[in-house]
Amino acid sequence: MLSKFGAYGSLLGLLFLVWNCVSSHSGIIASTVKASTEASLQAAPVAGVKVGVDGREVVLTGLVPTEEAKTKAGIAALATPGVRTVDNQLLVGVEAHVLQPVLTKILLEKKIEFETGKNVLLPSSTPVLDEVLKVLNQAPNLAINIAGHTDNVGLPDANRTLSAARAEAVVDWLSGHGIAKDRMSASGFGPDKPIANNATPEGRGQNRRVEITVK
């Protein structure tokens, strides 16, 4: 009986050693594949890519600026020795901190304008919205908030309602030109967030504005 138990114990010990060797070997392979893939991506070069490894399968995640960069990363990873398959989960777009200053500059230099007391966009707003559209199309991964603001002329509640309706009008314009509506939200602050003195016509003109924020 004891000898039988001893045989079982030896067999279990042997199986454990085999399992341990296989696990260690798999870990070494995964580490090697990860390091080699990262080196291939640096040589490509493609930045902003995170590499995950499951055995000999490589998973690419992160954010790249163009579809070309995404394709390039996938090709570089697949060409890496030891890699069998590539799961390319890269998102295409530009980060918010890159786009936000561009949008802010556009809307400081040019205005999205409406008919007085209404939420109807003036024709003069179209070139400005076209510029905004080009910028937003660079970042399909980002959420967008459109905020309307007014001066302090009139009833505050009426101005809040008007500014919200104007923000919605911008959402509708952008949606009609290809920006997914579920990426956008609209808000209206009326006279609550002035950026200039309402005591002058110039200041009131600055306070009547639309702001666009990406995140």
N, C-alpha and C. Protein backbone atom coordinates (compact mmCIF):
# COMPACT_ATOMS: atom_id res chain seq x y z
N MET A 1 0.82 -1.21 0.00
CA MET A 1 0.00 0.00 0.00
C MET A 1 0.86 1.25 0.00
N LEU A 2 1.89 1.25 0.86
CA LEU A 2 2.76 2.41 0.94
C LEU A 2 3.48 2.65 -0.38
N SER A 3 3.90 1.54 -1.01
CA SER A 3 4.61 1.69 -2.28
C SER A 3 3.70 2.26 -3.35
N LYS A 4 2.38 1.88 -3.25
CA LYS A 4 1.40 2.40 -4.21
C LYS A 4 1.26 3.91 -4.05
N PHE A 5 1.15 4.36 -2.78
CA PHE A 5 1.07 5.79 -2.51
C PHE A 5 2.32 6.52 -2.97
N GLY A 6 3.45 5.87 -2.76
CA GLY A 6 4.71 6.47 -3.20
C GLY A 6 4.74 6.66 -4.70
N ALA A 7 4.21 5.69 -5.44
CA ALA A 7 4.16 5.79 -6.91
C ALA A 7 3.26 6.94 -7.34
N TYR A 8 2.08 7.03 -6.65
CA TYR A 8 1.17 8.14 -6.97
C TYR A 8 1.82 9.49 -6.69
N GLY A 9 2.52 9.53 -5.56
CA GLY A 9 3.18 10.79 -5.20
C GLY A 9 4.24 11.18 -6.21
N SER A 10 4.99 10.20 -6.67
CA SER A 10 6.03 10.48 -7.67
C SER A 10 5.40 10.98 -8.97
N LEU A 11 4.27 10.34 -9.35
CA LEU A 11 3.59 10.74 -10.59
C LEU A 11 3.07 12.17 -10.48
N LEU A 12 2.46 12.49 -9.34
CA LEU A 12 1.95 13.86 -9.14
C LEU A 12 3.09 14.87 -9.16
N GLY A 13 4.21 14.48 -8.54
CA GLY A 13 5.36 15.37 -8.54
C GLY A 13 5.88 15.63 -9.94
N LEU A 14 5.92 14.55 -10.75
CA LEU A 14 6.38 14.68 -12.12
C LEU A 14 5.44 15.57 -12.93
N LEU A 15 4.11 15.38 -12.74
CA LEU A 15 3.13 16.20 -13.46
C LEU A 15 3.26 17.67 -13.07
N PHE A 16 3.53 17.92 -11.79
CA PHE A 16 3.71 19.31 -11.34
C PHE A 16 4.93 19.94 -11.99
N LEU A 17 6.01 19.16 -12.07
CA LEU A 17 7.23 19.69 -12.69
C LEU A 17 7.01 20.01 -14.17
N VAL A 18 6.27 19.11 -14.86
CA VAL A 18 5.98 19.35 -16.29
C VAL A 18 5.14 20.62 -16.45
N TRP A 19 4.09 20.71 -15.61
CA TRP A 19 3.21 21.89 -15.67
C TRP A 19 3.98 23.17 -15.40
N ASN A 20 4.87 23.11 -14.42
CA ASN A 20 5.65 24.29 -14.05
C ASN A 20 6.57 24.71 -15.19
N CYS A 21 7.19 23.72 -15.84
CA CYS A 21 8.08 24.03 -16.97
C CYS A 21 7.32 24.64 -18.14
N VAL A 22 6.14 24.05 -18.44
CA VAL A 22 5.33 24.57 -19.54
C VAL A 22 4.87 26.00 -19.25
N SER A 23 4.42 26.23 -18.01
CA SER A 23 3.95 27.57 -17.63
C SER A 23 5.08 28.59 -17.73
N SER A 24 6.26 28.20 -17.22
CA SER A 24 7.41 29.10 -17.27
C SER A 24 7.80 29.39 -18.72
N HIS A 25 7.78 28.32 -19.54
CA HIS A 25 8.14 28.49 -20.96
C HIS A 25 7.15 29.40 -21.66
N SER A 26 5.84 29.23 -21.35
CA SER A 26 4.81 30.08 -21.96
C SER A 26 5.00 31.53 -21.56
N GLY A 27 5.36 31.72 -20.28
CA GLY A 27 5.60 33.08 -19.81
C GLY A 27 6.77 33.74 -20.52
N ILE A 28 7.83 32.94 -20.75
CA ILE A 28 9.00 33.47 -21.46
C ILE A 28 8.64 33.82 -22.90
N ILE A 29 7.85 32.94 -23.54
CA ILE A 29 7.42 33.21 -24.93
C ILE A 29 6.61 34.49 -24.99
N ALA A 30 5.64 34.64 -24.07
CA ALA A 30 4.78 35.82 -24.05
C ALA A 30 5.60 37.09 -23.85
N SER A 31 6.56 37.04 -22.92
CA SER A 31 7.41 38.21 -22.67
C SER A 31 8.25 38.55 -23.89
N THR A 32 8.77 37.52 -24.55
CA THR A 32 9.59 37.74 -25.74
C THR A 32 8.76 38.33 -26.87
N VAL A 33 7.58 37.76 -27.08
CA VAL A 33 6.69 38.26 -28.14
C VAL A 33 6.29 39.72 -27.87
N LYS A 34 5.99 40.04 -26.62
CA LYS A 34 5.61 41.41 -26.25
C LYS A 34 6.75 42.38 -26.53
N ALA A 35 7.95 42.03 -26.09
CA ALA A 35 9.11 42.90 -26.29
C ALA A 35 9.42 43.08 -27.78
N SER A 36 9.33 41.98 -28.54
CA SER A 36 9.62 42.04 -29.97
C SER A 36 8.59 42.89 -30.70
N THR A 37 7.31 42.75 -30.32
CA THR A 37 6.25 43.54 -30.96
C THR A 37 6.42 45.02 -30.65
N GLU A 38 6.73 45.33 -29.41
CA GLU A 38 6.95 46.74 -29.05
C GLU A 38 8.11 47.33 -29.84
N ALA A 39 9.16 46.54 -30.04
CA ALA A 39 10.31 47.00 -30.83
C ALA A 39 9.91 47.21 -32.29
N SER A 40 9.08 46.33 -32.82
CA SER A 40 8.62 46.47 -34.21
C SER A 40 7.79 47.74 -34.39
N LEU A 41 6.94 48.03 -33.42
CA LEU A 41 6.10 49.22 -33.49
C LEU A 41 6.93 50.50 -33.38
N GLN A 42 7.96 50.47 -32.55
CA GLN A 42 8.85 51.63 -32.44
C GLN A 42 9.62 51.86 -33.73
N ALA A 43 9.97 50.77 -34.40
CA ALA A 43 10.73 50.89 -35.65
C ALA A 43 9.84 51.33 -36.80
N ALA A 44 8.51 51.08 -36.70
CA ALA A 44 7.59 51.36 -37.82
C ALA A 44 7.61 52.80 -38.33
N PRO A 45 7.58 53.92 -37.56
CA PRO A 45 7.21 53.95 -36.15
C PRO A 45 5.72 54.26 -36.00
N VAL A 46 5.11 53.65 -34.98
CA VAL A 46 3.73 53.97 -34.62
C VAL A 46 3.68 54.19 -33.12
N ALA A 47 3.26 55.39 -32.69
CA ALA A 47 3.22 55.72 -31.27
C ALA A 47 1.80 55.57 -30.72
N GLY A 48 1.70 55.48 -29.40
CA GLY A 48 0.41 55.44 -28.74
C GLY A 48 -0.24 54.07 -28.69
N VAL A 49 0.55 53.00 -28.93
CA VAL A 49 0.01 51.64 -28.99
C VAL A 49 0.41 50.86 -27.74
N LYS A 50 -0.58 50.23 -27.11
CA LYS A 50 -0.30 49.35 -25.98
C LYS A 50 -0.38 47.91 -26.48
N VAL A 51 0.57 47.10 -26.04
CA VAL A 51 0.67 45.72 -26.52
C VAL A 51 0.31 44.75 -25.40
N GLY A 52 -0.68 43.91 -25.67
CA GLY A 52 -1.02 42.82 -24.76
C GLY A 52 -0.74 41.50 -25.46
N VAL A 53 -0.39 40.49 -24.71
CA VAL A 53 -0.03 39.20 -25.32
C VAL A 53 -0.77 38.07 -24.60
N ASP A 54 -1.39 37.20 -25.40
CA ASP A 54 -2.00 35.98 -24.88
C ASP A 54 -1.40 34.82 -25.67
N GLY A 55 -0.37 34.22 -25.09
CA GLY A 55 0.37 33.19 -25.82
C GLY A 55 1.12 33.84 -26.98
N ARG A 56 0.74 33.45 -28.20
CA ARG A 56 1.36 34.06 -29.38
C ARG A 56 0.40 35.02 -30.10
N GLU A 57 -0.73 35.32 -29.45
CA GLU A 57 -1.65 36.32 -30.00
C GLU A 57 -1.34 37.68 -29.39
N VAL A 58 -1.24 38.68 -30.25
CA VAL A 58 -0.96 40.04 -29.79
C VAL A 58 -2.25 40.86 -29.88
N VAL A 59 -2.53 41.61 -28.83
CA VAL A 59 -3.69 42.50 -28.80
C VAL A 59 -3.19 43.93 -28.75
N LEU A 60 -3.60 44.74 -29.73
CA LEU A 60 -3.18 46.14 -29.80
C LEU A 60 -4.33 47.04 -29.34
N THR A 61 -4.06 47.89 -28.36
CA THR A 61 -5.05 48.85 -27.89
C THR A 61 -4.40 50.23 -27.79
N GLY A 62 -5.23 51.26 -27.66
CA GLY A 62 -4.72 52.61 -27.56
C GLY A 62 -5.35 53.50 -28.62
N LEU A 63 -4.73 54.65 -28.84
CA LEU A 63 -5.27 55.67 -29.75
C LEU A 63 -4.21 56.07 -30.75
N VAL A 64 -4.56 56.01 -32.04
CA VAL A 64 -3.66 56.47 -33.11
C VAL A 64 -4.39 57.52 -33.94
N PRO A 65 -3.65 58.41 -34.62
CA PRO A 65 -4.31 59.55 -35.28
C PRO A 65 -5.03 59.23 -36.58
N THR A 66 -4.66 58.15 -37.28
CA THR A 66 -5.25 57.89 -38.58
C THR A 66 -5.48 56.39 -38.79
N GLU A 67 -6.35 56.07 -39.77
CA GLU A 67 -6.56 54.67 -40.15
C GLU A 67 -5.26 54.06 -40.69
N GLU A 68 -4.48 54.89 -41.38
CA GLU A 68 -3.20 54.43 -41.91
C GLU A 68 -2.27 53.96 -40.79
N ALA A 69 -2.25 54.72 -39.70
CA ALA A 69 -1.41 54.34 -38.56
C ALA A 69 -1.91 53.05 -37.92
N LYS A 70 -3.22 52.88 -37.86
CA LYS A 70 -3.79 51.64 -37.30
C LYS A 70 -3.38 50.44 -38.15
N THR A 71 -3.51 50.58 -39.46
CA THR A 71 -3.13 49.49 -40.37
C THR A 71 -1.64 49.19 -40.27
N LYS A 72 -0.86 50.25 -40.21
CA LYS A 72 0.60 50.11 -40.13
C LYS A 72 1.00 49.35 -38.86
N ALA A 73 0.32 49.66 -37.76
CA ALA A 73 0.62 48.98 -36.49
C ALA A 73 0.28 47.51 -36.59
N GLY A 74 -0.86 47.18 -37.20
CA GLY A 74 -1.26 45.79 -37.35
C GLY A 74 -0.28 44.99 -38.19
N ILE A 75 0.18 45.59 -39.28
CA ILE A 75 1.14 44.93 -40.18
C ILE A 75 2.47 44.70 -39.45
N ALA A 76 2.93 45.74 -38.73
CA ALA A 76 4.20 45.62 -38.01
C ALA A 76 4.13 44.53 -36.95
N ALA A 77 3.00 44.47 -36.23
CA ALA A 77 2.85 43.45 -35.18
C ALA A 77 2.81 42.05 -35.78
N LEU A 78 2.08 41.88 -36.89
CA LEU A 78 1.96 40.56 -37.50
C LEU A 78 3.27 40.08 -38.09
N ALA A 79 4.12 41.02 -38.51
CA ALA A 79 5.42 40.66 -39.09
C ALA A 79 6.47 40.31 -38.04
N THR A 80 6.13 40.50 -36.77
CA THR A 80 7.07 40.22 -35.69
C THR A 80 7.27 38.71 -35.53
N PRO A 81 8.52 38.23 -35.49
CA PRO A 81 8.77 36.80 -35.29
C PRO A 81 8.11 36.29 -34.01
N GLY A 82 7.44 35.15 -34.11
CA GLY A 82 6.79 34.55 -32.95
C GLY A 82 5.31 34.88 -32.83
N VAL A 83 4.85 35.92 -33.57
CA VAL A 83 3.44 36.31 -33.49
C VAL A 83 2.63 35.50 -34.50
N ARG A 84 1.55 34.91 -34.02
CA ARG A 84 0.69 34.12 -34.91
C ARG A 84 -0.52 34.92 -35.38
N THR A 85 -1.17 35.63 -34.45
CA THR A 85 -2.35 36.41 -34.81
C THR A 85 -2.29 37.77 -34.11
N VAL A 86 -2.99 38.74 -34.70
CA VAL A 86 -3.05 40.09 -34.13
C VAL A 86 -4.52 40.51 -34.02
N ASP A 87 -4.92 40.91 -32.84
CA ASP A 87 -6.25 41.48 -32.61
C ASP A 87 -6.08 43.00 -32.51
N ASN A 88 -6.38 43.68 -33.61
CA ASN A 88 -6.13 45.12 -33.68
C ASN A 88 -7.35 45.89 -33.17
N GLN A 89 -7.29 46.32 -31.91
CA GLN A 89 -8.39 47.05 -31.28
C GLN A 89 -8.10 48.54 -31.17
N LEU A 90 -7.15 49.03 -31.95
CA LEU A 90 -6.77 50.44 -31.87
C LEU A 90 -7.93 51.35 -32.27
N LEU A 91 -8.08 52.45 -31.52
CA LEU A 91 -9.05 53.49 -31.87
C LEU A 91 -8.35 54.55 -32.69
N VAL A 92 -9.09 55.13 -33.62
CA VAL A 92 -8.53 56.18 -34.47
C VAL A 92 -9.09 57.52 -34.02
N GLY A 93 -8.22 58.48 -33.80
CA GLY A 93 -8.68 59.80 -33.40
C GLY A 93 -7.55 60.61 -32.80
N VAL A 94 -7.89 61.83 -32.40
CA VAL A 94 -6.92 62.73 -31.79
C VAL A 94 -7.35 62.99 -30.36
N GLU A 95 -6.42 63.12 -29.46
CA GLU A 95 -6.75 63.33 -28.06
C GLU A 95 -7.34 64.73 -27.83
N ALA A 96 -8.18 64.82 -26.80
CA ALA A 96 -8.91 66.06 -26.53
C ALA A 96 -7.98 67.24 -26.31
N HIS A 97 -6.87 67.01 -25.61
CA HIS A 97 -5.98 68.14 -25.29
C HIS A 97 -5.30 68.72 -26.52
N VAL A 98 -5.30 67.94 -27.61
CA VAL A 98 -4.75 68.45 -28.87
C VAL A 98 -5.80 69.26 -29.62
N LEU A 99 -7.04 68.77 -29.65
CA LEU A 99 -8.09 69.43 -30.42
C LEU A 99 -8.68 70.66 -29.74
N GLN A 100 -8.77 70.64 -28.41
CA GLN A 100 -9.48 71.72 -27.71
C GLN A 100 -8.93 73.11 -28.02
N PRO A 101 -7.61 73.31 -27.99
CA PRO A 101 -7.10 74.65 -28.32
C PRO A 101 -7.45 75.10 -29.74
N VAL A 102 -7.52 74.15 -30.67
CA VAL A 102 -7.87 74.49 -32.05
C VAL A 102 -9.31 74.97 -32.12
N LEU A 103 -10.22 74.25 -31.47
CA LEU A 103 -11.63 74.66 -31.45
C LEU A 103 -11.81 76.00 -30.76
N THR A 104 -11.13 76.18 -29.64
CA THR A 104 -11.24 77.43 -28.89
C THR A 104 -10.78 78.60 -29.72
N LYS A 105 -9.69 78.43 -30.45
CA LYS A 105 -9.15 79.50 -31.29
C LYS A 105 -10.15 79.87 -32.40
N ILE A 106 -10.73 78.86 -33.03
CA ILE A 106 -11.70 79.13 -34.10
C ILE A 106 -12.86 79.98 -33.57
N LEU A 107 -13.38 79.59 -32.40
CA LEU A 107 -14.57 80.25 -31.87
C LEU A 107 -14.28 81.58 -31.18
N LEU A 108 -13.02 81.83 -30.90
CA LEU A 108 -12.64 83.16 -30.40
C LEU A 108 -12.49 84.15 -31.54
N GLU A 109 -11.97 83.67 -32.66
CA GLU A 109 -11.72 84.54 -33.81
C GLU A 109 -12.96 84.75 -34.67
N LYS A 110 -13.87 83.76 -34.67
CA LYS A 110 -15.08 83.82 -35.49
C LYS A 110 -16.27 83.40 -34.65
N LYS A 111 -17.43 83.88 -35.00
CA LYS A 111 -18.60 83.61 -34.16
C LYS A 111 -19.65 82.79 -34.91
N ILE A 112 -20.27 81.90 -34.16
CA ILE A 112 -21.48 81.24 -34.64
C ILE A 112 -22.64 82.16 -34.29
N GLU A 113 -23.32 82.68 -35.29
CA GLU A 113 -24.32 83.73 -35.07
C GLU A 113 -25.73 83.25 -35.40
N PHE A 114 -26.70 83.89 -34.74
CA PHE A 114 -28.11 83.53 -34.90
C PHE A 114 -28.93 84.79 -35.16
N GLU A 115 -30.12 84.57 -35.67
CA GLU A 115 -31.07 85.69 -35.78
C GLU A 115 -31.38 86.20 -34.38
N THR A 116 -31.57 87.50 -34.25
CA THR A 116 -31.80 88.12 -32.95
C THR A 116 -33.00 87.49 -32.24
N GLY A 117 -32.77 87.04 -31.01
CA GLY A 117 -33.84 86.48 -30.20
C GLY A 117 -34.33 85.12 -30.66
N LYS A 118 -33.62 84.47 -31.61
CA LYS A 118 -34.06 83.17 -32.14
C LYS A 118 -32.90 82.17 -32.12
N ASN A 119 -33.26 80.93 -32.42
CA ASN A 119 -32.24 79.89 -32.50
C ASN A 119 -31.96 79.50 -33.95
N VAL A 120 -32.19 80.44 -34.86
CA VAL A 120 -31.98 80.21 -36.28
C VAL A 120 -30.58 80.66 -36.66
N LEU A 121 -29.78 79.75 -37.18
CA LEU A 121 -28.41 80.08 -37.57
C LEU A 121 -28.39 81.03 -38.76
N LEU A 122 -27.52 82.03 -38.69
CA LEU A 122 -27.33 82.94 -39.82
C LEU A 122 -26.41 82.29 -40.86
N PRO A 123 -26.57 82.65 -42.14
CA PRO A 123 -25.69 82.11 -43.18
C PRO A 123 -24.21 82.36 -42.91
N SER A 124 -23.91 83.45 -42.21
CA SER A 124 -22.51 83.78 -41.91
C SER A 124 -21.87 82.75 -40.98
N SER A 125 -22.69 81.93 -40.33
CA SER A 125 -22.17 80.91 -39.43
C SER A 125 -21.66 79.67 -40.16
N THR A 126 -22.08 79.49 -41.40
CA THR A 126 -21.73 78.25 -42.11
C THR A 126 -20.23 78.04 -42.26
N PRO A 127 -19.46 79.06 -42.68
CA PRO A 127 -18.00 78.83 -42.79
C PRO A 127 -17.35 78.46 -41.46
N VAL A 128 -17.86 79.05 -40.36
CA VAL A 128 -17.31 78.74 -39.03
C VAL A 128 -17.63 77.29 -38.67
N LEU A 129 -18.87 76.89 -38.91
CA LEU A 129 -19.27 75.52 -38.60
C LEU A 129 -18.53 74.51 -39.48
N ASP A 130 -18.24 74.90 -40.72
CA ASP A 130 -17.44 74.02 -41.59
C ASP A 130 -16.06 73.78 -41.00
N GLU A 131 -15.46 74.82 -40.45
CA GLU A 131 -14.13 74.67 -39.81
C GLU A 131 -14.22 73.75 -38.59
N VAL A 132 -15.26 73.99 -37.78
CA VAL A 132 -15.47 73.16 -36.59
C VAL A 132 -15.66 71.70 -37.00
N LEU A 133 -16.44 71.48 -38.05
CA LEU A 133 -16.71 70.13 -38.53
C LEU A 133 -15.43 69.39 -38.91
N LYS A 134 -14.54 70.08 -39.60
CA LYS A 134 -13.27 69.46 -40.02
C LYS A 134 -12.45 69.02 -38.81
N VAL A 135 -12.46 69.85 -37.79
CA VAL A 135 -11.70 69.52 -36.58
C VAL A 135 -12.33 68.32 -35.87
N LEU A 136 -13.65 68.33 -35.71
CA LEU A 136 -14.33 67.24 -34.99
C LEU A 136 -14.21 65.92 -35.72
N ASN A 137 -14.13 65.96 -37.04
CA ASN A 137 -13.99 64.73 -37.82
C ASN A 137 -12.65 64.04 -37.58
N GLN A 138 -11.69 64.77 -37.01
CA GLN A 138 -10.39 64.17 -36.71
C GLN A 138 -10.44 63.31 -35.45
N ALA A 139 -11.53 63.41 -34.70
CA ALA A 139 -11.60 62.72 -33.41
C ALA A 139 -12.93 62.04 -33.20
N PRO A 140 -13.23 60.99 -33.98
CA PRO A 140 -14.51 60.30 -33.82
C PRO A 140 -14.66 59.59 -32.49
N ASN A 141 -13.58 59.53 -31.73
CA ASN A 141 -13.60 58.87 -30.43
C ASN A 141 -14.03 59.80 -29.29
N LEU A 142 -14.11 61.11 -29.55
CA LEU A 142 -14.35 62.07 -28.47
C LEU A 142 -15.82 62.47 -28.35
N ALA A 143 -16.25 62.72 -27.12
CA ALA A 143 -17.58 63.27 -26.86
C ALA A 143 -17.52 64.79 -27.00
N ILE A 144 -18.63 65.39 -27.36
CA ILE A 144 -18.68 66.82 -27.66
C ILE A 144 -19.80 67.47 -26.87
N ASN A 145 -19.49 68.59 -26.22
CA ASN A 145 -20.54 69.38 -25.57
C ASN A 145 -20.63 70.74 -26.24
N ILE A 146 -21.85 71.14 -26.60
CA ILE A 146 -22.11 72.45 -27.18
C ILE A 146 -22.81 73.27 -26.12
N ALA A 147 -22.23 74.42 -25.77
CA ALA A 147 -22.80 75.28 -24.73
C ALA A 147 -23.15 76.65 -25.30
N GLY A 148 -24.39 77.06 -25.09
CA GLY A 148 -24.83 78.38 -25.54
C GLY A 148 -24.81 79.39 -24.41
N HIS A 149 -24.45 80.63 -24.74
CA HIS A 149 -24.38 81.72 -23.75
C HIS A 149 -25.01 82.98 -24.34
N THR A 150 -25.54 83.82 -23.47
CA THR A 150 -26.12 85.10 -23.90
C THR A 150 -25.53 86.24 -23.08
N ASP A 151 -25.91 87.47 -23.45
CA ASP A 151 -25.59 88.61 -22.60
C ASP A 151 -26.66 88.73 -21.52
N ASN A 152 -26.70 89.85 -20.81
CA ASN A 152 -27.65 89.98 -19.70
C ASN A 152 -28.88 90.80 -20.07
N VAL A 153 -29.09 91.03 -21.36
CA VAL A 153 -30.27 91.78 -21.79
C VAL A 153 -31.47 90.82 -21.84
N GLY A 154 -32.54 91.20 -21.15
CA GLY A 154 -33.72 90.35 -21.12
C GLY A 154 -33.81 89.53 -19.85
N LEU A 155 -34.85 88.71 -19.77
CA LEU A 155 -35.06 87.88 -18.57
C LEU A 155 -34.08 86.72 -18.53
N PRO A 156 -33.44 86.48 -17.40
CA PRO A 156 -32.45 85.40 -17.30
C PRO A 156 -32.98 84.03 -17.73
N ASP A 157 -34.19 83.67 -17.27
CA ASP A 157 -34.72 82.36 -17.63
C ASP A 157 -34.97 82.23 -19.12
N ALA A 158 -35.48 83.32 -19.72
CA ALA A 158 -35.71 83.30 -21.17
C ALA A 158 -34.39 83.16 -21.92
N ASN A 159 -33.34 83.81 -21.41
CA ASN A 159 -32.03 83.71 -22.04
C ASN A 159 -31.43 82.31 -21.90
N ARG A 160 -31.68 81.68 -20.78
CA ARG A 160 -31.19 80.31 -20.60
C ARG A 160 -31.88 79.37 -21.60
N THR A 161 -33.18 79.55 -21.75
CA THR A 161 -33.93 78.73 -22.71
C THR A 161 -33.43 78.98 -24.13
N LEU A 162 -33.21 80.25 -24.48
CA LEU A 162 -32.73 80.61 -25.81
C LEU A 162 -31.33 80.02 -26.05
N SER A 163 -30.45 80.14 -25.09
CA SER A 163 -29.09 79.63 -25.28
C SER A 163 -29.07 78.12 -25.44
N ALA A 164 -29.95 77.43 -24.71
CA ALA A 164 -30.04 75.96 -24.86
C ALA A 164 -30.57 75.61 -26.25
N ALA A 165 -31.56 76.36 -26.74
CA ALA A 165 -32.11 76.10 -28.07
C ALA A 165 -31.06 76.37 -29.15
N ARG A 166 -30.22 77.38 -28.95
CA ARG A 166 -29.15 77.67 -29.91
C ARG A 166 -28.11 76.56 -29.91
N ALA A 167 -27.79 76.06 -28.73
CA ALA A 167 -26.84 74.94 -28.66
C ALA A 167 -27.40 73.72 -29.39
N GLU A 168 -28.69 73.47 -29.23
CA GLU A 168 -29.33 72.35 -29.93
C GLU A 168 -29.31 72.56 -31.44
N ALA A 169 -29.44 73.82 -31.87
CA ALA A 169 -29.39 74.12 -33.31
C ALA A 169 -28.02 73.77 -33.89
N VAL A 170 -26.97 74.02 -33.11
CA VAL A 170 -25.62 73.65 -33.56
C VAL A 170 -25.47 72.14 -33.60
N VAL A 171 -26.01 71.44 -32.59
CA VAL A 171 -25.99 69.98 -32.59
C VAL A 171 -26.68 69.45 -33.84
N ASP A 172 -27.84 70.02 -34.16
CA ASP A 172 -28.59 69.57 -35.34
C ASP A 172 -27.80 69.81 -36.62
N TRP A 173 -27.11 70.95 -36.71
CA TRP A 173 -26.32 71.25 -37.92
C TRP A 173 -25.19 70.24 -38.05
N LEU A 174 -24.47 70.01 -36.97
CA LEU A 174 -23.35 69.07 -37.01
C LEU A 174 -23.83 67.65 -37.31
N SER A 175 -24.95 67.27 -36.70
CA SER A 175 -25.52 65.95 -36.95
C SER A 175 -25.91 65.80 -38.42
N GLY A 176 -26.46 66.86 -38.99
CA GLY A 176 -26.83 66.83 -40.39
C GLY A 176 -25.65 66.78 -41.34
N HIS A 177 -24.45 67.05 -40.81
CA HIS A 177 -23.23 67.02 -41.62
C HIS A 177 -22.29 65.88 -41.21
N GLY A 178 -22.85 64.85 -40.55
CA GLY A 178 -22.08 63.63 -40.37
C GLY A 178 -21.56 63.32 -38.98
N ILE A 179 -21.71 64.24 -38.02
CA ILE A 179 -21.26 63.95 -36.66
C ILE A 179 -22.36 63.17 -35.94
N ALA A 180 -22.01 62.02 -35.39
CA ALA A 180 -23.01 61.18 -34.72
C ALA A 180 -23.67 61.93 -33.56
N LYS A 181 -24.99 61.94 -33.54
CA LYS A 181 -25.71 62.70 -32.53
C LYS A 181 -25.46 62.18 -31.12
N ASP A 182 -25.21 60.87 -30.99
CA ASP A 182 -24.99 60.32 -29.66
C ASP A 182 -23.63 60.70 -29.07
N ARG A 183 -22.80 61.35 -29.88
CA ARG A 183 -21.53 61.88 -29.36
C ARG A 183 -21.71 63.26 -28.72
N MET A 184 -22.85 63.90 -28.99
CA MET A 184 -23.01 65.31 -28.63
C MET A 184 -24.03 65.52 -27.52
N SER A 185 -23.78 66.55 -26.72
CA SER A 185 -24.75 67.01 -25.73
C SER A 185 -24.83 68.53 -25.85
N ALA A 186 -25.95 69.09 -25.42
CA ALA A 186 -26.15 70.54 -25.51
C ALA A 186 -26.56 71.10 -24.16
N SER A 187 -26.10 72.30 -23.88
CA SER A 187 -26.48 72.96 -22.63
C SER A 187 -26.58 74.46 -22.87
N GLY A 188 -27.43 75.13 -22.08
CA GLY A 188 -27.59 76.57 -22.21
C GLY A 188 -27.43 77.26 -20.87
N PHE A 189 -26.56 78.24 -20.81
CA PHE A 189 -26.26 78.92 -19.54
C PHE A 189 -26.79 80.35 -19.48
N GLY A 190 -27.39 80.81 -20.58
CA GLY A 190 -27.90 82.17 -20.58
C GLY A 190 -26.82 83.17 -20.21
N PRO A 191 -27.13 84.08 -19.27
CA PRO A 191 -26.15 85.11 -18.89
C PRO A 191 -25.24 84.71 -17.72
N ASP A 192 -25.30 83.44 -17.32
CA ASP A 192 -24.67 83.03 -16.05
C ASP A 192 -23.15 82.94 -16.08
N LYS A 193 -22.56 82.85 -17.27
CA LYS A 193 -21.10 82.69 -17.36
C LYS A 193 -20.49 83.72 -18.31
N PRO A 194 -20.55 84.99 -17.96
CA PRO A 194 -19.98 86.01 -18.85
C PRO A 194 -18.46 85.94 -18.90
N ILE A 195 -17.91 86.30 -20.05
CA ILE A 195 -16.45 86.36 -20.18
C ILE A 195 -15.99 87.81 -20.37
N ALA A 196 -16.96 88.73 -20.42
CA ALA A 196 -16.64 90.15 -20.62
C ALA A 196 -17.68 90.98 -19.88
N ASN A 197 -17.44 92.29 -19.83
CA ASN A 197 -18.32 93.22 -19.12
C ASN A 197 -19.58 93.50 -19.94
N ASN A 198 -20.74 93.20 -19.38
CA ASN A 198 -22.00 93.44 -20.08
C ASN A 198 -22.39 94.91 -20.16
N ALA A 199 -21.57 95.78 -19.55
CA ALA A 199 -21.90 97.22 -19.56
C ALA A 199 -21.61 97.87 -20.91
N THR A 200 -20.87 97.18 -21.77
CA THR A 200 -20.53 97.76 -23.08
C THR A 200 -21.07 96.88 -24.21
N PRO A 201 -21.36 97.47 -25.38
CA PRO A 201 -21.80 96.67 -26.52
C PRO A 201 -20.78 95.59 -26.91
N GLU A 202 -19.50 95.95 -26.82
CA GLU A 202 -18.45 94.99 -27.17
C GLU A 202 -18.46 93.80 -26.21
N GLY A 203 -18.61 94.10 -24.93
CA GLY A 203 -18.65 93.04 -23.92
C GLY A 203 -19.85 92.14 -24.10
N ARG A 204 -21.01 92.74 -24.36
CA ARG A 204 -22.21 91.94 -24.58
C ARG A 204 -22.05 91.05 -25.82
N GLY A 205 -21.39 91.58 -26.84
CA GLY A 205 -21.14 90.80 -28.05
C GLY A 205 -20.26 89.59 -27.78
N GLN A 206 -19.27 89.76 -26.91
CA GLN A 206 -18.40 88.63 -26.55
C GLN A 206 -19.14 87.57 -25.74
N ASN A 207 -20.07 88.04 -24.91
CA ASN A 207 -20.81 87.11 -24.07
C ASN A 207 -21.85 86.30 -24.85
N ARG A 208 -22.31 86.84 -25.97
CA ARG A 208 -23.22 86.07 -26.84
C ARG A 208 -22.37 85.12 -27.68
N ARG A 209 -22.30 83.87 -27.29
CA ARG A 209 -21.34 82.97 -27.90
C ARG A 209 -21.78 81.52 -27.78
N VAL A 210 -21.12 80.68 -28.57
CA VAL A 210 -21.26 79.22 -28.46
C VAL A 210 -19.87 78.66 -28.17
N GLU A 211 -19.79 77.81 -27.16
CA GLU A 211 -18.53 77.15 -26.83
C GLU A 211 -18.66 75.65 -27.12
N ILE A 212 -17.58 75.06 -27.63
CA ILE A 212 -17.57 73.64 -27.94
C ILE A 212 -16.42 72.99 -27.19
N THR A 213 -16.76 71.97 -26.40
CA THR A 213 -15.76 71.28 -25.58
C THR A 213 -15.73 69.81 -25.97
N VAL A 214 -14.52 69.28 -26.10
CA VAL A 214 -14.36 67.85 -26.40
C VAL A 214 -13.69 67.15 -25.23
N LYS A 215 -14.04 65.88 -25.04
CA LYS A 215 -13.43 65.12 -23.94
C LYS A 215 -13.46 63.63 -24.23
